[in-house]
Amino acid sequence: MRRTCPPHIAALFRNHMSKDSNQTALLWIVAAGFFMQALDTTIVNTALPSMAHSLGVKPFVMQPVIVAYTLTMAMLTPASGWLADRFGTRRVYFAAIMIFVLGSLCCASAHTLGQLVIARVLQGIGGSMLLPIGRLAVLRSVSGEQYVSALAMISVAGQIGPIVGPTLGGWFVEAFTWHWIFLINVPIGAVGMFAVYRYLPRATSTAAAPFDLAGCALLSLCMIAFSLAVDAPVQSHRAVWSTALFVVGLVAALSYVPYARRRQNPLFKLALFREPNFSVGLIGNLVCRIGSSAVPFLVPLLMQLELGYTPLHSGLMMLPAALAGTVAKRWIAPLIRRYGYDTFLLVNTLIVGGAIVAFALISRGTPIVVEIVVLAIFGAANSMQFAAMNSVTLKGLSHEDAGSGNSLFSMVQMLAMGLGVSISGGLVSVFSDQWGSATLGFRMTFVCVGAITLVSALIFRRIEETQAVASSVKPATVGSQ
């Protein structure tokens, strides 16, 4: 006689299977969003010379295309959590993908540099919410024992983006046009929006605490002013404009201190800076990343404009750095346990800075094997540097301060990326005009940005080993590159 499963058992089984399938779909949705964001930060670099030619401008004035995107993400990242609480995770994540796709379409339709920069701002608005809200959706839907595994899966997508980005960008430029580096986001985003609508639960809005709009405005003004001070958009009286913008940024930053003391729930509590390693790590990250963030921008330009490489060839040359960085991640924890954060960061910072300076020696006569070795050394050391800096900065924060500290840390990371591109692009232009040689311009720029990275070694010497190193090595925050 055939046995049948009791109805309540069958219902429990169906609910369990449905929950598992929804969680799997959620992870794929968030991973796809992270992939789009990570891909877009690297795919543009190899296409910059072709984009500049198409838009009728010089390659070294294309920095705003990258800076506008990273700066927009830096300004809006702190608001992502509040938006998710206020309007619901599902609704905001759907809107983030839609805005990102619309921004991508506008980028592909741009006919002038100004139009492209505005489109990148729109794209950055969507990109600023993809990872934070996706991570929040996973946190709220996945059980505690599965959360680490879920974040590990998402982080893989973030690692794949920088690996395939430069090569894919070069291939699109050669096989089609540069417009396809943005159009590729459209089908991915369309599938993502359908999946969000289909699989994400209908989360209702909650009574979110009032958002600190004034505090966010002060810090945003600070970041914009500093970025424009480095690369002032005016040619006449440029030094005066840069000085004035720097003063505005400094005043905005200092004004936040008394403001945060008076407000009950400021955007970022000043108590964060009582943790000494957080302050040291934040400053060290800013200085170190200015140099290391210049490399993905400068190297493709060097290879295409000075070495005569095609866009695809220059994209393929970036693979050794990305692959070496992925492999090197497994060495971080053992090395830190053995030598401690202070010694590890001191030595590794010297390696990163030295590798950046070594790019100044690359010329048309340099064997390709040497180029690959330098790129691989930089990629491996830079990957370990980022992970160690992330960990030492955040490891001492309390549980209640971890979210706020990570948000501020993310803002500083993206600010440093924009500053690195602005400073390096400006230096190449200045040195090239001064000596009448683009080759010397590149060489001197690599020396300067390498020296900036080396300065951060002095900052990391102030790290305090306040607890057992073996127990304090944590995985790098998802999305922290």
Protein backbone atom coordinates (compact mmCIF):
# COMPACT_ATOMS: atom_id res chain seq x y z
CA MET A 1 0.00 0.00 0.00
CA ARG A 2 1.44 3.37 -1.01
CA ARG A 3 2.38 5.71 1.88
CA THR A 4 1.65 9.39 1.67
CA CYS A 5 3.37 12.17 3.55
CA PRO A 6 1.17 13.89 6.15
CA PRO A 7 -0.07 17.29 4.91
CA HIS A 8 1.64 19.31 7.66
CA ILE A 9 4.98 17.58 6.99
CA ALA A 10 4.63 18.24 3.27
CA ALA A 11 3.83 21.89 3.95
CA LEU A 12 6.87 22.28 6.21
CA PHE A 13 9.07 20.68 3.55
CA ARG A 14 7.73 22.99 0.83
CA ASN A 15 8.25 26.05 3.04
CA HIS A 16 11.80 24.95 3.83
CA MET A 17 12.62 24.38 0.16
CA SER A 18 11.04 27.71 -0.77
CA LYS A 19 13.07 29.52 1.91
CA ASP A 20 16.32 27.90 0.76
CA SER A 21 15.65 28.76 -2.89
CA ASN A 22 14.80 32.37 -2.00
CA GLN A 23 18.00 32.71 0.03
CA THR A 24 20.05 31.28 -2.83
CA ALA A 25 18.39 33.71 -5.25
CA LEU A 26 19.08 36.57 -2.84
CA LEU A 27 22.78 35.73 -2.70
CA TRP A 28 23.00 35.63 -6.49
CA ILE A 29 21.16 38.97 -6.75
CA VAL A 30 23.50 40.68 -4.27
CA ALA A 31 26.56 39.05 -5.89
CA ALA A 32 25.46 40.33 -9.31
CA GLY A 33 25.02 43.84 -7.93
CA PHE A 34 28.45 43.73 -6.30
CA PHE A 35 29.93 42.41 -9.56
CA MET A 36 28.46 45.34 -11.52
CA GLN A 37 29.84 47.83 -9.02
CA ALA A 38 33.30 46.21 -8.87
CA LEU A 39 33.42 45.79 -12.65
CA ASP A 40 32.55 49.42 -13.27
CA THR A 41 35.42 50.72 -11.13
CA THR A 42 38.00 48.98 -13.35
CA ILE A 43 36.49 48.48 -16.81
CA VAL A 44 36.68 52.21 -17.62
CA ASN A 45 40.46 52.54 -17.15
CA THR A 46 41.59 50.72 -20.30
CA ALA A 47 39.01 52.57 -22.41
CA LEU A 48 39.99 56.11 -21.35
CA PRO A 49 42.25 56.90 -24.37
CA SER A 50 39.56 55.73 -26.82
CA MET A 51 36.88 57.65 -24.94
CA ALA A 52 39.05 60.79 -24.94
CA HIS A 53 39.62 60.49 -28.71
CA SER A 54 35.90 60.02 -29.34
CA LEU A 55 34.97 63.02 -27.16
CA GLY A 56 37.70 65.22 -28.64
CA VAL A 57 39.70 65.79 -25.45
CA LYS A 58 43.11 64.81 -24.10
CA PRO A 59 43.36 61.54 -22.11
CA PHE A 60 44.68 63.32 -19.02
CA VAL A 61 41.54 65.42 -18.62
CA MET A 62 39.44 62.27 -18.28
CA GLN A 63 40.01 61.99 -14.50
CA PRO A 64 36.55 63.45 -13.67
CA VAL A 65 34.97 60.40 -15.32
CA ILE A 66 36.40 58.25 -12.53
CA VAL A 67 36.38 60.84 -9.73
CA ALA A 68 32.71 61.76 -10.24
CA TYR A 69 31.71 58.11 -9.80
CA THR A 70 33.80 57.37 -6.70
CA LEU A 71 33.03 60.70 -5.03
CA THR A 72 29.28 60.27 -5.52
CA MET A 73 29.45 56.82 -3.96
CA ALA A 74 31.47 58.19 -1.04
CA MET A 75 28.90 60.91 -0.33
CA LEU A 76 25.80 58.72 -0.52
CA THR A 77 26.98 55.48 1.08
CA PRO A 78 26.10 56.62 4.66
CA ALA A 79 22.48 57.24 3.60
CA SER A 80 21.94 53.74 2.21
CA GLY A 81 21.09 52.08 5.53
CA TRP A 82 18.63 54.83 6.47
CA LEU A 83 16.93 54.59 3.07
CA ALA A 84 16.54 50.82 3.47
CA ASP A 85 14.96 51.27 6.90
CA ARG A 86 12.72 54.09 5.74
CA PHE A 87 11.45 52.67 2.43
CA GLY A 88 12.21 48.95 2.65
CA THR A 89 15.21 46.94 1.47
CA ARG A 90 13.45 45.45 -1.57
CA ARG A 91 12.18 48.77 -2.86
CA VAL A 92 15.47 50.63 -2.41
CA TYR A 93 17.60 47.83 -3.89
CA PHE A 94 15.34 47.71 -6.96
CA ALA A 95 15.67 51.50 -7.30
CA ALA A 96 19.47 51.29 -6.91
CA ILE A 97 19.80 48.83 -9.81
CA MET A 98 17.40 50.87 -11.95
CA ILE A 99 19.32 54.13 -11.32
CA PHE A 100 22.62 52.35 -12.03
CA VAL A 101 21.26 51.02 -15.35
CA LEU A 102 19.83 54.43 -16.32
CA GLY A 103 23.20 56.00 -15.49
CA SER A 104 24.94 53.41 -17.66
CA LEU A 105 22.61 54.20 -20.59
CA CYS A 106 23.30 57.92 -20.15
CA CYS A 107 27.07 57.24 -20.12
CA ALA A 108 26.82 55.31 -23.38
CA SER A 109 24.76 58.15 -24.92
CA ALA A 110 27.15 60.97 -23.88
CA HIS A 111 28.62 63.12 -26.64
CA THR A 112 30.74 65.46 -24.50
CA LEU A 113 32.95 65.07 -21.46
CA GLY A 114 30.54 67.15 -19.38
CA GLN A 115 27.62 64.90 -20.30
CA LEU A 116 29.66 61.81 -19.43
CA VAL A 117 30.64 63.20 -16.02
CA ILE A 118 27.00 64.01 -15.19
CA ALA A 119 25.98 60.51 -16.29
CA ARG A 120 28.69 59.01 -14.07
CA VAL A 121 27.25 60.92 -11.11
CA LEU A 122 23.86 59.32 -11.82
CA GLN A 123 25.54 55.94 -12.11
CA GLY A 124 27.34 56.56 -8.81
CA ILE A 125 24.02 57.29 -7.06
CA GLY A 126 22.87 53.77 -7.88
CA GLY A 127 26.28 52.21 -7.27
CA SER A 128 26.50 53.73 -3.79
CA MET A 129 23.56 51.60 -2.64
CA LEU A 130 24.26 48.30 -4.39
CA LEU A 131 26.69 46.75 -1.91
CA PRO A 132 25.57 48.28 1.45
CA ILE A 133 21.88 47.49 0.91
CA GLY A 134 22.63 44.11 -0.62
CA ARG A 135 24.75 43.23 2.41
CA LEU A 136 21.95 44.46 4.67
CA ALA A 137 19.41 42.29 2.84
CA VAL A 138 21.63 39.24 3.36
CA LEU A 139 22.09 40.08 7.04
CA ARG A 140 18.34 40.26 7.56
CA SER A 141 17.51 37.11 5.59
CA VAL A 142 20.33 34.65 6.35
CA SER A 143 20.84 32.96 9.71
CA GLY A 144 23.90 33.80 11.81
CA GLU A 145 25.74 30.53 11.18
CA GLN A 146 25.33 30.95 7.39
CA TYR A 147 26.16 34.66 7.26
CA VAL A 148 29.96 34.28 6.94
CA SER A 149 29.58 31.75 4.11
CA ALA A 150 27.09 34.04 2.40
CA LEU A 151 29.48 37.03 2.57
CA ALA A 152 32.30 34.83 1.26
CA MET A 153 30.20 33.98 -1.80
CA ILE A 154 29.40 37.65 -2.39
CA SER A 155 33.07 38.65 -2.02
CA VAL A 156 34.01 36.29 -4.87
CA ALA A 157 31.93 38.44 -7.22
CA GLY A 158 33.84 41.49 -6.02
CA GLN A 159 37.14 39.76 -6.75
CA ILE A 160 36.08 38.64 -10.25
CA GLY A 161 35.10 42.19 -11.30
CA PRO A 162 38.62 43.72 -11.04
CA ILE A 163 40.12 40.61 -12.69
CA VAL A 164 37.98 40.68 -15.84
CA GLY A 165 37.31 44.45 -15.90
CA PRO A 166 40.44 45.79 -17.65
CA THR A 167 40.54 42.95 -20.19
CA LEU A 168 36.82 43.17 -20.91
CA GLY A 169 37.09 46.94 -21.30
CA GLY A 170 39.97 46.59 -23.77
CA TRP A 171 38.11 43.93 -25.75
CA PHE A 172 34.94 46.01 -26.00
CA VAL A 173 36.93 48.99 -27.30
CA GLU A 174 38.64 46.91 -30.01
CA ALA A 175 35.75 44.63 -30.99
CA PHE A 176 32.95 47.21 -30.74
CA THR A 177 33.17 50.72 -29.24
CA TRP A 178 33.82 52.15 -25.77
CA HIS A 179 30.08 52.62 -25.32
CA TRP A 180 29.73 48.88 -24.63
CA ILE A 181 31.65 49.13 -21.36
CA PHE A 182 28.50 50.82 -20.04
CA LEU A 183 25.89 48.99 -22.12
CA ILE A 184 27.01 45.66 -20.62
CA ASN A 185 25.33 46.78 -17.39
CA VAL A 186 21.90 46.97 -19.05
CA PRO A 187 21.16 43.23 -19.49
CA ILE A 188 22.76 42.39 -16.14
CA GLY A 189 20.72 45.10 -14.43
CA ALA A 190 17.49 44.04 -16.18
CA VAL A 191 17.89 40.49 -14.93
CA GLY A 192 18.75 41.85 -11.48
CA MET A 193 15.61 44.00 -11.30
CA PHE A 194 13.42 41.07 -12.32
CA ALA A 195 15.09 38.85 -9.73
CA VAL A 196 14.65 41.49 -6.98
CA TYR A 197 10.96 41.83 -7.84
CA ARG A 198 10.53 38.06 -7.97
CA TYR A 199 12.60 36.77 -5.05
CA LEU A 200 13.24 39.48 -2.47
CA PRO A 201 10.66 39.52 0.33
CA ARG A 202 8.30 42.48 0.56
CA ALA A 203 9.97 44.22 3.48
CA THR A 204 7.94 47.00 4.98
CA SER A 205 9.42 50.33 6.02
CA THR A 206 10.29 50.85 9.67
CA ALA A 207 10.42 53.85 11.96
CA ALA A 208 13.93 54.93 11.02
CA ALA A 209 15.72 57.49 13.14
CA PRO A 210 16.02 60.94 11.53
CA PHE A 211 18.87 61.05 9.06
CA ASP A 212 21.67 63.51 9.87
CA LEU A 213 21.35 65.51 6.68
CA ALA A 214 23.38 68.47 7.97
CA GLY A 215 26.27 66.23 9.06
CA CYS A 216 26.25 64.42 5.72
CA ALA A 217 26.23 67.77 3.91
CA LEU A 218 29.26 69.02 5.88
CA LEU A 219 31.30 65.89 5.14
CA SER A 220 30.19 65.88 1.49
CA LEU A 221 31.26 69.52 1.13
CA CYS A 222 34.60 68.60 2.68
CA MET A 223 35.19 65.76 0.20
CA ILE A 224 34.08 67.75 -2.85
CA ALA A 225 36.21 70.76 -1.88
CA PHE A 226 39.34 68.65 -1.30
CA SER A 227 38.84 66.80 -4.58
CA LEU A 228 38.39 70.01 -6.56
CA ALA A 229 41.33 71.64 -4.76
CA VAL A 230 43.61 68.89 -6.08
CA ASP A 231 42.33 69.31 -9.63
CA ALA A 232 40.75 72.77 -9.88
CA PRO A 233 38.51 73.04 -12.96
CA VAL A 234 39.73 76.56 -13.79
CA GLN A 235 43.00 77.48 -15.52
CA SER A 236 43.34 81.14 -14.59
CA HIS A 237 44.50 81.81 -11.02
CA ARG A 238 44.48 78.05 -10.42
CA ALA A 239 46.61 78.24 -7.28
CA VAL A 240 44.23 80.75 -5.71
CA TRP A 241 41.21 78.58 -6.51
CA SER A 242 42.90 75.45 -5.14
CA THR A 243 43.87 77.21 -1.92
CA ALA A 244 40.37 78.59 -1.45
CA LEU A 245 38.79 75.17 -2.04
CA PHE A 246 41.22 73.54 0.37
CA VAL A 247 40.29 76.09 3.05
CA VAL A 248 36.58 75.44 2.43
CA GLY A 249 37.13 71.69 2.83
CA LEU A 250 39.13 72.19 6.02
CA VAL A 251 36.50 74.51 7.51
CA ALA A 252 33.74 72.00 6.67
CA ALA A 253 35.67 69.16 8.33
CA LEU A 254 36.43 71.19 11.47
CA SER A 255 32.83 72.43 11.66
CA TYR A 256 31.62 68.85 11.94
CA VAL A 257 33.38 68.39 15.30
CA PRO A 258 31.33 70.88 17.38
CA TYR A 259 28.24 69.93 15.38
CA ALA A 260 28.62 66.22 16.22
CA ARG A 261 29.16 67.04 19.90
CA ARG A 262 25.86 68.91 20.09
CA ARG A 263 23.75 66.42 18.13
CA GLN A 264 22.35 63.38 19.90
CA ASN A 265 22.65 61.02 16.90
CA PRO A 266 25.27 62.43 14.52
CA LEU A 267 26.16 60.75 11.24
CA PHE A 268 29.45 59.57 12.77
CA LYS A 269 30.08 59.70 16.51
CA LEU A 270 33.30 61.33 17.63
CA ALA A 271 33.73 58.41 20.05
CA LEU A 272 34.94 56.37 17.06
CA PHE A 273 38.24 58.22 17.22
CA ARG A 274 38.88 57.21 20.82
CA GLU A 275 39.94 53.83 19.43
CA PRO A 276 43.58 54.68 18.53
CA ASN A 277 43.99 52.10 15.76
CA PHE A 278 40.84 53.37 14.04
CA SER A 279 42.30 56.87 13.78
CA VAL A 280 45.72 55.63 12.67
CA GLY A 281 44.20 53.16 10.21
CA LEU A 282 41.88 55.77 8.73
CA ILE A 283 44.70 58.26 8.07
CA GLY A 284 47.05 55.53 6.87
CA ASN A 285 44.40 54.20 4.50
CA LEU A 286 43.81 57.64 3.03
CA VAL A 287 47.49 58.32 2.38
CA CYS A 288 48.39 54.81 1.19
CA ARG A 289 45.41 54.47 -1.15
CA ILE A 290 46.16 57.78 -2.87
CA GLY A 291 49.28 56.18 -4.31
CA SER A 292 47.96 52.68 -4.94
CA SER A 293 44.71 53.96 -6.50
CA ALA A 294 46.72 55.90 -9.07
CA VAL A 295 48.20 52.71 -10.56
CA PRO A 296 45.03 51.29 -12.24
CA PHE A 297 44.51 54.72 -13.80
CA LEU A 298 48.11 55.41 -14.89
CA VAL A 299 49.32 52.00 -16.09
CA PRO A 300 46.78 51.52 -18.95
CA LEU A 301 47.50 55.09 -20.09
CA LEU A 302 51.26 54.43 -19.97
CA MET A 303 50.91 51.24 -21.97
CA GLN A 304 48.66 52.69 -24.66
CA LEU A 305 50.10 56.20 -25.01
CA GLU A 306 53.81 55.48 -24.43
CA LEU A 307 54.40 51.77 -25.06
CA GLY A 308 52.06 51.50 -28.05
CA TYR A 309 49.90 48.70 -26.65
CA THR A 310 46.37 48.14 -27.91
CA PRO A 311 43.50 48.53 -25.41
CA LEU A 312 43.08 44.74 -25.23
CA HIS A 313 46.82 44.19 -24.73
CA SER A 314 46.95 46.76 -21.93
CA GLY A 315 43.90 45.14 -20.33
CA LEU A 316 45.51 41.71 -20.46
CA MET A 317 48.66 43.15 -18.86
CA MET A 318 46.61 44.05 -15.78
CA LEU A 319 45.68 40.41 -15.23
CA PRO A 320 48.92 39.47 -13.38
CA ALA A 321 48.22 42.13 -10.74
CA ALA A 322 44.63 41.00 -10.21
CA LEU A 323 45.45 37.28 -10.13
CA ALA A 324 48.45 37.76 -7.83
CA GLY A 325 46.24 39.79 -5.50
CA THR A 326 43.66 37.01 -5.33
CA VAL A 327 46.30 34.36 -4.58
CA ALA A 328 48.07 36.52 -1.96
CA LYS A 329 44.96 36.93 0.20
CA ARG A 330 45.59 33.53 1.82
CA TRP A 331 49.02 34.67 3.10
CA ILE A 332 47.70 37.60 5.13
CA ALA A 333 46.54 35.92 8.33
CA PRO A 334 49.68 33.74 8.84
CA LEU A 335 52.02 36.68 8.22
CA ILE A 336 50.16 38.99 10.60
CA ARG A 337 50.02 36.32 13.30
CA ARG A 338 53.76 35.87 13.02
CA TYR A 339 54.96 39.46 12.71
CA GLY A 340 52.08 41.61 14.00
CA TYR A 341 50.21 44.39 12.25
CA ASP A 342 52.86 47.07 12.82
CA THR A 343 55.78 45.12 11.34
CA PHE A 344 53.73 43.62 8.53
CA LEU A 345 52.28 46.96 7.41
CA LEU A 346 55.65 48.70 7.67
CA VAL A 347 57.40 46.16 5.42
CA ASN A 348 54.48 45.61 3.05
CA THR A 349 53.96 49.37 2.58
CA LEU A 350 57.60 49.67 1.52
CA ILE A 351 57.04 46.90 -1.03
CA VAL A 352 53.89 48.56 -2.41
CA GLY A 353 55.56 51.96 -2.63
CA GLY A 354 58.69 50.47 -4.18
CA ALA A 355 56.63 48.63 -6.81
CA ILE A 356 54.85 51.87 -7.74
CA VAL A 357 58.19 53.65 -8.16
CA ALA A 358 59.42 50.71 -10.27
CA PHE A 359 56.76 51.50 -12.89
CA ALA A 360 58.83 54.62 -13.65
CA LEU A 361 61.55 52.36 -15.11
CA ILE A 362 59.24 50.73 -17.68
CA SER A 363 59.84 51.87 -21.25
CA ARG A 364 59.49 50.51 -24.79
CA GLY A 365 62.70 48.50 -24.35
CA THR A 366 61.63 46.81 -21.12
CA PRO A 367 61.12 43.03 -21.52
CA ILE A 368 57.50 42.05 -21.08
CA VAL A 369 58.52 39.52 -18.41
CA VAL A 370 59.85 42.36 -16.25
CA GLU A 371 56.58 44.28 -16.67
CA ILE A 372 54.60 41.19 -15.60
CA VAL A 373 56.81 40.65 -12.54
CA VAL A 374 56.45 44.26 -11.40
CA LEU A 375 52.67 44.11 -11.89
CA ALA A 376 52.44 40.80 -10.01
CA ILE A 377 54.50 42.09 -7.07
CA PHE A 378 52.36 45.21 -6.88
CA GLY A 379 49.13 43.22 -7.13
CA ALA A 380 50.08 40.75 -4.40
CA ALA A 381 51.46 43.35 -1.97
CA ASN A 382 48.59 45.78 -2.62
CA SER A 383 45.97 43.09 -2.00
CA MET A 384 47.53 42.15 1.33
CA GLN A 385 47.93 45.84 2.18
CA PHE A 386 44.23 46.54 1.70
CA ALA A 387 43.14 43.53 3.75
CA ALA A 388 45.55 44.32 6.60
CA MET A 389 44.60 48.01 6.64
CA ASN A 390 40.90 47.13 6.67
CA SER A 391 41.32 44.71 9.55
CA VAL A 392 43.55 46.84 11.78
CA THR A 393 41.28 49.87 11.32
CA LEU A 394 38.03 48.13 12.27
CA LYS A 395 39.10 45.34 14.64
CA GLY A 396 39.06 47.46 17.83
CA LEU A 397 35.59 48.98 17.38
CA SER A 398 32.74 47.88 19.62
CA HIS A 399 29.78 46.01 18.14
CA GLU A 400 27.56 49.11 18.27
CA ASP A 401 30.20 51.29 16.60
CA ALA A 402 31.19 48.77 13.92
CA GLY A 403 28.50 49.78 11.41
CA SER A 404 29.16 53.50 11.72
CA GLY A 405 32.93 52.97 11.64
CA ASN A 406 32.71 50.79 8.55
CA SER A 407 30.57 53.40 6.78
CA LEU A 408 33.07 56.19 7.52
CA PHE A 409 35.90 53.88 6.51
CA SER A 410 34.18 53.19 3.16
CA MET A 411 33.82 56.93 2.55
CA VAL A 412 37.54 57.48 3.15
CA GLN A 413 38.41 54.59 0.82
CA MET A 414 36.42 56.04 -2.06
CA LEU A 415 37.68 59.57 -1.37
CA ALA A 416 41.25 58.25 -1.56
CA MET A 417 40.50 56.55 -4.89
CA GLY A 418 39.27 59.82 -6.35
CA LEU A 419 42.21 61.79 -4.94
CA GLY A 420 44.65 59.23 -6.33
CA VAL A 421 43.26 59.63 -9.84
CA SER A 422 43.08 63.44 -9.61
CA ILE A 423 46.59 63.84 -8.20
CA SER A 424 48.24 61.42 -10.62
CA GLY A 425 46.47 62.84 -13.68
CA GLY A 426 47.36 66.39 -12.65
CA LEU A 427 51.00 65.49 -12.03
CA VAL A 428 51.40 63.84 -15.44
CA SER A 429 50.03 66.95 -17.14
CA VAL A 430 52.22 69.33 -15.10
CA PHE A 431 55.43 67.33 -15.57
CA SER A 432 54.74 66.71 -19.27
CA ASP A 433 54.18 70.41 -19.93
CA GLN A 434 57.20 71.45 -17.87
CA TRP A 435 59.69 69.12 -19.60
CA GLY A 436 57.92 68.72 -22.93
CA SER A 437 57.99 64.94 -22.59
CA ALA A 438 55.09 62.67 -21.68
CA THR A 439 57.57 59.89 -20.89
CA LEU A 440 59.24 61.99 -18.20
CA GLY A 441 55.80 63.06 -17.03
CA PHE A 442 54.80 59.44 -16.38
CA ARG A 443 58.11 58.61 -14.72
CA MET A 444 58.06 61.53 -12.33
CA THR A 445 54.41 60.88 -11.50
CA PHE A 446 55.07 57.25 -10.57
CA VAL A 447 57.93 58.40 -8.33
CA CYS A 448 55.70 60.98 -6.63
CA VAL A 449 52.68 58.73 -6.00
CA GLY A 450 55.03 55.95 -4.87
CA ALA A 451 56.58 58.37 -2.39
CA ILE A 452 53.10 59.27 -1.08
CA THR A 453 52.46 55.59 -0.41
CA LEU A 454 55.83 55.24 1.34
CA VAL A 455 54.89 58.09 3.68
CA SER A 456 52.03 55.98 5.03
CA ALA A 457 54.62 53.53 6.44
CA LEU A 458 55.47 56.19 9.03
CA ILE A 459 51.80 56.42 9.97
CA PHE A 460 51.41 52.68 10.42
CA ARG A 461 54.31 52.65 12.87
CA ARG A 462 51.89 54.17 15.40
CA ILE A 463 49.66 51.10 15.42
CA GLU A 464 49.13 49.70 18.90
CA GLU A 465 49.10 45.92 19.34
CA THR A 466 46.56 46.01 22.15
CA GLN A 467 45.41 42.42 21.91
CA ALA A 468 46.59 39.04 20.77
CA VAL A 469 47.24 39.29 17.07
CA ALA A 470 46.14 35.73 16.36
CA SER A 471 42.64 36.46 17.62
CA SER A 472 42.29 39.84 15.95
CA VAL A 473 42.86 38.86 12.32
CA LYS A 474 39.43 39.20 10.74
CA PRO A 475 38.35 38.75 7.14
CA ALA A 476 38.37 41.98 5.21
CA THR A 477 35.03 43.67 4.97
CA VAL A 478 33.09 42.65 1.90
CA GLY A 479 33.46 45.36 -0.65
CA SER A 480 36.64 46.78 0.81
CA GLN A 481 39.16 46.67 -1.95
